[in-house]
Amino acid sequence: MNRRRTVRDFSPDPVPAGVIEDLVRAASTAPSGAHRQPWTFVAVSDPDVKRRIRIAAEREERENYEGRMPDEWLRALEPLGTDENKPFLEIAPWLVVLFRQNYGVGPAGEHVRHYYVSESVGIAAGLFLTAVHQAGLVALTHTPSPMGFLREILERPANETACLLMPVGYPAAGAQVPDLCRKPLDEVLVLRQP
């Protein structure tokens, strides 16, 4: 897993839909509060839909970079070399959007309470990214904020909120990733032993 990296330069080489299905099957093994599995993965390969998503995402990102994000945040992003331009949203063969289900809907249309939604969806996202890596693919966790446009474009119900937009595919030839070090173990682990 130490070799897993976030990639922003994707190859347009196709990835079979069956592989995406397997990735979501793996993600759906995640534990969840009361086993409600409060997530929906929407996988998009349609070029027209990907184009609409890119236009909407870049509109939000432009506003972010031109005034919504404080200077401190912009400085934190500098080593990553990101800006409002997101060509990967059209180049990657798949966009996988992870929606959290804020509540379920029962057979009579009644609201069904979900428990620990954020935690459950976070674990499912981690398993999805691990499965992507194990499949020899790459992904990017993109969070254009706000993301309400994804519910609209993908025609999702009112109980769902988009939380991650993940391009998935193969890295482009010569894809570069920032040379960033992970924190050493002693900065992320506290052992309390007898």
C-alpha atoms as a PDB file:
ATOM      1  CA  MET A   1       0.000   0.000   0.000  1.00  0.00           C
ATOM      2  CA  ASN A   2       2.975   2.318   0.431  1.00  0.00           C
ATOM      3  CA  ARG A   3       3.182   2.387  -3.379  1.00  0.00           C
ATOM      4  CA  ARG A   4      -0.369   3.771  -3.703  1.00  0.00           C
ATOM      5  CA  ARG A   5      -0.361   7.295  -5.049  1.00  0.00           C
ATOM      6  CA  THR A   6      -2.948   9.837  -6.065  1.00  0.00           C
ATOM      7  CA  VAL A   7      -2.728  10.573  -9.787  1.00  0.00           C
ATOM      8  CA  ARG A   8      -3.995  13.561 -11.765  1.00  0.00           C
ATOM      9  CA  ASP A   9      -2.707  12.423 -15.177  1.00  0.00           C
ATOM     10  CA  PHE A  10      -4.833   9.607 -16.565  1.00  0.00           C
ATOM     11  CA  SER A  11      -4.635   7.493 -19.687  1.00  0.00           C
ATOM     12  CA  PRO A  12      -7.840   7.278 -21.730  1.00  0.00           C
ATOM     13  CA  ASP A  13      -7.293   3.503 -22.042  1.00  0.00           C
ATOM     14  CA  PRO A  14     -10.588   1.734 -21.287  1.00  0.00           C
ATOM     15  CA  VAL A  15     -11.300  -0.193 -18.114  1.00  0.00           C
ATOM     16  CA  PRO A  16     -14.062  -2.827 -18.379  1.00  0.00           C
ATOM     17  CA  ALA A  17     -17.275  -2.133 -16.476  1.00  0.00           C
ATOM     18  CA  GLY A  18     -16.848  -5.512 -14.743  1.00  0.00           C
ATOM     19  CA  VAL A  19     -13.687  -4.224 -13.052  1.00  0.00           C
ATOM     20  CA  ILE A  20     -15.578  -1.216 -11.692  1.00  0.00           C
ATOM     21  CA  GLU A  21     -18.295  -3.570 -10.450  1.00  0.00           C
ATOM     22  CA  ASP A  22     -15.667  -5.633  -8.623  1.00  0.00           C
ATOM     23  CA  LEU A  23     -14.188  -2.495  -7.030  1.00  0.00           C
ATOM     24  CA  VAL A  24     -17.603  -1.492  -5.698  1.00  0.00           C
ATOM     25  CA  ARG A  25     -18.242  -5.054  -4.487  1.00  0.00           C
ATOM     26  CA  ALA A  26     -14.993  -4.830  -2.509  1.00  0.00           C
ATOM     27  CA  ALA A  27     -15.930  -1.404  -1.111  1.00  0.00           C
ATOM     28  CA  SER A  28     -19.324  -2.727  -0.077  1.00  0.00           C
ATOM     29  CA  THR A  29     -17.704  -5.212   2.305  1.00  0.00           C
ATOM     30  CA  ALA A  30     -17.111  -2.227   4.597  1.00  0.00           C
ATOM     31  CA  PRO A  31     -18.650  -2.360   8.050  1.00  0.00           C
ATOM     32  CA  SER A  32     -21.466   0.114   8.582  1.00  0.00           C
ATOM     33  CA  GLY A  33     -23.684   1.330  11.408  1.00  0.00           C
ATOM     34  CA  ALA A  34     -26.501  -1.198  11.949  1.00  0.00           C
ATOM     35  CA  HIS A  35     -25.367  -2.760   8.648  1.00  0.00           C
ATOM     36  CA  ARG A  36     -27.368  -0.134   6.719  1.00  0.00           C
ATOM     37  CA  GLN A  37     -24.632   0.296   4.081  1.00  0.00           C
ATOM     38  CA  PRO A  38     -25.493   3.981   3.591  1.00  0.00           C
ATOM     39  CA  TRP A  39     -23.657   4.526   0.302  1.00  0.00           C
ATOM     40  CA  THR A  40     -24.307   4.629  -3.413  1.00  0.00           C
ATOM     41  CA  PHE A  41     -21.509   4.465  -5.981  1.00  0.00           C
ATOM     42  CA  VAL A  42     -22.413   5.985  -9.356  1.00  0.00           C
ATOM     43  CA  ALA A  43     -19.941   5.009 -12.103  1.00  0.00           C
ATOM     44  CA  VAL A  44     -19.896   7.155 -15.239  1.00  0.00           C
ATOM     45  CA  SER A  45     -18.161   6.415 -18.527  1.00  0.00           C
ATOM     46  CA  ASP A  46     -20.537   8.377 -20.810  1.00  0.00           C
ATOM     47  CA  PRO A  47     -18.428  11.171 -22.394  1.00  0.00           C
ATOM     48  CA  ASP A  48     -21.337  13.637 -22.468  1.00  0.00           C
ATOM     49  CA  VAL A  49     -22.060  13.191 -18.750  1.00  0.00           C
ATOM     50  CA  LYS A  50     -18.347  13.389 -17.908  1.00  0.00           C
ATOM     51  CA  ARG A  51     -18.171  16.670 -19.866  1.00  0.00           C
ATOM     52  CA  ARG A  52     -21.127  18.119 -17.934  1.00  0.00           C
ATOM     53  CA  ILE A  53     -19.480  17.085 -14.652  1.00  0.00           C
ATOM     54  CA  ARG A  54     -16.188  18.710 -15.677  1.00  0.00           C
ATOM     55  CA  ILE A  55     -17.848  22.004 -16.634  1.00  0.00           C
ATOM     56  CA  ALA A  56     -19.761  22.167 -13.343  1.00  0.00           C
ATOM     57  CA  ALA A  57     -16.750  21.100 -11.243  1.00  0.00           C
ATOM     58  CA  GLU A  58     -14.450  23.643 -12.874  1.00  0.00           C
ATOM     59  CA  ARG A  59     -17.041  26.389 -12.288  1.00  0.00           C
ATOM     60  CA  GLU A  60     -17.053  25.579  -8.544  1.00  0.00           C
ATOM     61  CA  GLU A  61     -13.272  25.215  -8.436  1.00  0.00           C
ATOM     62  CA  ARG A  62     -12.768  28.570 -10.170  1.00  0.00           C
ATOM     63  CA  GLU A  63     -14.814  30.229  -7.427  1.00  0.00           C
ATOM     64  CA  ASN A  64     -12.827  28.327  -4.803  1.00  0.00           C
ATOM     65  CA  TYR A  65      -9.429  29.360  -6.153  1.00  0.00           C
ATOM     66  CA  GLU A  66     -10.520  32.949  -6.830  1.00  0.00           C
ATOM     67  CA  GLY A  67     -11.911  33.738  -3.401  1.00  0.00           C
ATOM     68  CA  ARG A  68     -13.618  31.005  -1.409  1.00  0.00           C
ATOM     69  CA  MET A  69     -10.421  29.340  -0.189  1.00  0.00           C
ATOM     70  CA  PRO A  70      -8.330  31.251   2.351  1.00  0.00           C
ATOM     71  CA  ASP A  71      -4.679  31.992   1.567  1.00  0.00           C
ATOM     72  CA  GLU A  72      -3.543  29.320   4.043  1.00  0.00           C
ATOM     73  CA  TRP A  73      -5.407  26.641   2.074  1.00  0.00           C
ATOM     74  CA  LEU A  74      -4.027  27.887  -1.240  1.00  0.00           C
ATOM     75  CA  ARG A  75      -0.489  27.725   0.193  1.00  0.00           C
ATOM     76  CA  ALA A  76      -1.126  24.159   1.406  1.00  0.00           C
ATOM     77  CA  LEU A  77      -2.148  23.178  -2.141  1.00  0.00           C
ATOM     78  CA  GLU A  78       0.890  24.731  -3.851  1.00  0.00           C
ATOM     79  CA  PRO A  79       3.114  21.600  -3.621  1.00  0.00           C
ATOM     80  CA  LEU A  80       0.387  19.625  -5.410  1.00  0.00           C
ATOM     81  CA  GLY A  81       0.272  22.006  -8.364  1.00  0.00           C
ATOM     82  CA  THR A  82      -3.521  22.029  -8.534  1.00  0.00           C
ATOM     83  CA  ASP A  83      -5.776  24.701  -9.967  1.00  0.00           C
ATOM     84  CA  GLU A  84      -9.316  24.997 -11.305  1.00  0.00           C
ATOM     85  CA  ASN A  85      -8.539  23.081 -14.517  1.00  0.00           C
ATOM     86  CA  LYS A  86      -9.645  19.446 -14.241  1.00  0.00           C
ATOM     87  CA  PRO A  87      -9.073  17.731 -17.620  1.00  0.00           C
ATOM     88  CA  PHE A  88      -8.832  14.354 -15.866  1.00  0.00           C
ATOM     89  CA  LEU A  89     -12.608  14.487 -15.389  1.00  0.00           C
ATOM     90  CA  GLU A  90     -12.960  13.799 -19.113  1.00  0.00           C
ATOM     91  CA  ILE A  91      -9.780  11.816 -19.767  1.00  0.00           C
ATOM     92  CA  ALA A  92     -10.127   9.105 -17.102  1.00  0.00           C
ATOM     93  CA  PRO A  93     -12.269   6.270 -18.466  1.00  0.00           C
ATOM     94  CA  TRP A  94     -14.474   6.263 -15.358  1.00  0.00           C
ATOM     95  CA  LEU A  95     -15.722   8.808 -12.866  1.00  0.00           C
ATOM     96  CA  VAL A  96     -16.980   7.118  -9.721  1.00  0.00           C
ATOM     97  CA  VAL A  97     -19.057   9.356  -7.488  1.00  0.00           C
ATOM     98  CA  LEU A  98     -19.599   8.219  -3.918  1.00  0.00           C
ATOM     99  CA  PHE A  99     -22.862   9.419  -2.402  1.00  0.00           C
ATOM    100  CA  ARG A 100     -23.721   9.085   1.260  1.00  0.00           C
ATOM    101  CA  GLN A 101     -27.308   8.156   2.006  1.00  0.00           C
ATOM    102  CA  ASN A 102     -28.339  10.509   4.812  1.00  0.00           C
ATOM    103  CA  TYR A 103     -31.333   8.262   5.439  1.00  0.00           C
ATOM    104  CA  GLY A 104     -32.873   5.261   3.739  1.00  0.00           C
ATOM    105  CA  VAL A 105     -36.254   5.058   2.083  1.00  0.00           C
ATOM    106  CA  GLY A 106     -38.574   2.221   3.088  1.00  0.00           C
ATOM    107  CA  PRO A 107     -41.068   0.382   0.871  1.00  0.00           C
ATOM    108  CA  ALA A 108     -43.854   2.870   1.658  1.00  0.00           C
ATOM    109  CA  GLY A 109     -41.573   5.879   1.097  1.00  0.00           C
ATOM    110  CA  GLU A 110     -40.908   6.380   4.803  1.00  0.00           C
ATOM    111  CA  HIS A 111     -37.541   7.592   6.044  1.00  0.00           C
ATOM    112  CA  VAL A 112     -35.336   4.858   7.522  1.00  0.00           C
ATOM    113  CA  ARG A 113     -32.678   6.117   9.922  1.00  0.00           C
ATOM    114  CA  HIS A 114     -29.047   5.381   9.105  1.00  0.00           C
ATOM    115  CA  TYR A 115     -26.374   5.308  11.802  1.00  0.00           C
ATOM    116  CA  TYR A 116     -22.745   6.453  11.664  1.00  0.00           C
ATOM    117  CA  VAL A 117     -23.166   7.516   8.043  1.00  0.00           C
ATOM    118  CA  SER A 118     -19.926   9.528   7.718  1.00  0.00           C
ATOM    119  CA  GLU A 119     -17.835   6.825   9.360  1.00  0.00           C
ATOM    120  CA  SER A 120     -19.415   4.037   7.299  1.00  0.00           C
ATOM    121  CA  VAL A 121     -19.025   5.889   4.003  1.00  0.00           C
ATOM    122  CA  GLY A 122     -15.427   6.815   4.894  1.00  0.00           C
ATOM    123  CA  ILE A 123     -14.538   3.176   5.444  1.00  0.00           C
ATOM    124  CA  ALA A 124     -16.215   2.189   2.154  1.00  0.00           C
ATOM    125  CA  ALA A 125     -14.209   4.905   0.363  1.00  0.00           C
ATOM    126  CA  GLY A 126     -10.974   3.565   1.861  1.00  0.00           C
ATOM    127  CA  LEU A 127     -11.773   0.033   0.767  1.00  0.00           C
ATOM    128  CA  PHE A 128     -12.657   1.288  -2.713  1.00  0.00           C
ATOM    129  CA  LEU A 129      -9.306   3.078  -3.051  1.00  0.00           C
ATOM    130  CA  THR A 130      -7.475   0.009  -1.758  1.00  0.00           C
ATOM    131  CA  ALA A 131      -9.273  -2.155  -4.314  1.00  0.00           C
ATOM    132  CA  VAL A 132      -8.375   0.328  -7.079  1.00  0.00           C
ATOM    133  CA  HIS A 133      -4.710   0.033  -6.111  1.00  0.00           C
ATOM    134  CA  GLN A 134      -4.840  -3.772  -5.877  1.00  0.00           C
ATOM    135  CA  ALA A 135      -6.423  -3.895  -9.352  1.00  0.00           C
ATOM    136  CA  GLY A 136      -3.411  -2.057 -10.797  1.00  0.00           C
ATOM    137  CA  LEU A 137      -5.409   1.114 -11.407  1.00  0.00           C
ATOM    138  CA  VAL A 138      -5.126   4.636 -10.017  1.00  0.00           C
ATOM    139  CA  ALA A 139      -7.602   7.147  -8.652  1.00  0.00           C
ATOM    140  CA  LEU A 140      -7.912  10.692  -7.432  1.00  0.00           C
ATOM    141  CA  THR A 141     -10.093  11.765  -4.522  1.00  0.00           C
ATOM    142  CA  HIS A 142     -11.529  14.980  -5.920  1.00  0.00           C
ATOM    143  CA  THR A 143     -13.855  17.105  -3.803  1.00  0.00           C
ATOM    144  CA  PRO A 144     -15.096  20.128  -5.739  1.00  0.00           C
ATOM    145  CA  SER A 145     -17.060  21.980  -3.112  1.00  0.00           C
ATOM    146  CA  PRO A 146     -19.974  22.405  -3.040  1.00  0.00           C
ATOM    147  CA  MET A 147     -20.938  19.223  -4.882  1.00  0.00           C
ATOM    148  CA  GLY A 148     -24.696  19.630  -5.251  1.00  0.00           C
ATOM    149  CA  PHE A 149     -24.287  19.677  -9.029  1.00  0.00           C
ATOM    150  CA  LEU A 150     -23.431  15.954  -8.931  1.00  0.00           C
ATOM    151  CA  ARG A 151     -26.810  15.012  -7.467  1.00  0.00           C
ATOM    152  CA  GLU A 152     -28.497  17.063 -10.178  1.00  0.00           C
ATOM    153  CA  ILE A 153     -26.441  15.807 -13.144  1.00  0.00           C
ATOM    154  CA  LEU A 154     -26.591  12.173 -11.985  1.00  0.00           C
ATOM    155  CA  GLU A 155     -30.275  12.426 -11.048  1.00  0.00           C
ATOM    156  CA  ARG A 156     -29.854  11.111  -7.510  1.00  0.00           C
ATOM    157  CA  PRO A 157     -32.622  11.265  -4.890  1.00  0.00           C
ATOM    158  CA  ALA A 158     -32.888  13.918  -2.177  1.00  0.00           C
ATOM    159  CA  ASN A 159     -31.603  11.584   0.558  1.00  0.00           C
ATOM    160  CA  GLU A 160     -28.171  11.318  -1.112  1.00  0.00           C
ATOM    161  CA  THR A 161     -25.271  13.770  -0.864  1.00  0.00           C
ATOM    162  CA  ALA A 162     -22.132  13.489  -3.002  1.00  0.00           C
ATOM    163  CA  CYS A 163     -18.965  13.262  -0.931  1.00  0.00           C
ATOM    164  CA  LEU A 164     -16.233  12.094  -3.356  1.00  0.00           C
ATOM    165  CA  LEU A 165     -15.674  12.343  -7.102  1.00  0.00           C
ATOM    166  CA  MET A 166     -13.050   9.761  -8.066  1.00  0.00           C
ATOM    167  CA  PRO A 167     -11.618   9.485 -11.566  1.00  0.00           C
ATOM    168  CA  VAL A 168     -10.434   5.883 -12.015  1.00  0.00           C
ATOM    169  CA  GLY A 169      -8.222   4.371 -14.694  1.00  0.00           C
ATOM    170  CA  TYR A 170      -4.628   3.785 -15.690  1.00  0.00           C
ATOM    171  CA  PRO A 171      -1.959   6.443 -15.184  1.00  0.00           C
ATOM    172  CA  ALA A 172      -0.891   8.357 -18.295  1.00  0.00           C
ATOM    173  CA  ALA A 173       2.546   7.525 -19.664  1.00  0.00           C
ATOM    174  CA  GLY A 174       4.998   9.659 -17.716  1.00  0.00           C
ATOM    175  CA  ALA A 175       2.408  10.640 -15.099  1.00  0.00           C
ATOM    176  CA  GLN A 176       4.027  12.676 -12.339  1.00  0.00           C
ATOM    177  CA  VAL A 177       3.094  12.721  -8.685  1.00  0.00           C
ATOM    178  CA  PRO A 178       4.490  15.197  -6.149  1.00  0.00           C
ATOM    179  CA  ASP A 179       7.441  13.848  -4.168  1.00  0.00           C
ATOM    180  CA  LEU A 180       5.705  14.045  -0.811  1.00  0.00           C
ATOM    181  CA  CYS A 181       6.766  11.961   2.156  1.00  0.00           C
ATOM    182  CA  ARG A 182       4.307  10.182   4.384  1.00  0.00           C
ATOM    183  CA  LYS A 183       4.534  10.948   8.084  1.00  0.00           C
ATOM    184  CA  PRO A 184       6.766   8.532   9.988  1.00  0.00           C
ATOM    185  CA  LEU A 185       5.026   5.891  12.069  1.00  0.00           C
ATOM    186  CA  ASP A 186       5.912   7.562  15.354  1.00  0.00           C
ATOM    187  CA  GLU A 187       3.870  10.606  14.274  1.00  0.00           C
ATOM    188  CA  VAL A 188       0.731   8.628  13.502  1.00  0.00           C
ATOM    189  CA  LEU A 189       0.795   5.771  16.014  1.00  0.00           C
ATOM    190  CA  VAL A 190       0.712   5.776  19.800  1.00  0.00           C
ATOM    191  CA  LEU A 191       1.234   2.321  21.314  1.00  0.00           C
ATOM    192  CA  ARG A 192      -0.073   1.740  24.823  1.00  0.00           C
ATOM    193  CA  GLN A 193       1.135  -1.642  25.969  1.00  0.00           C
ATOM    194  CA  PRO A 194       1.402  -3.264  29.382  1.00  0.00           C
END
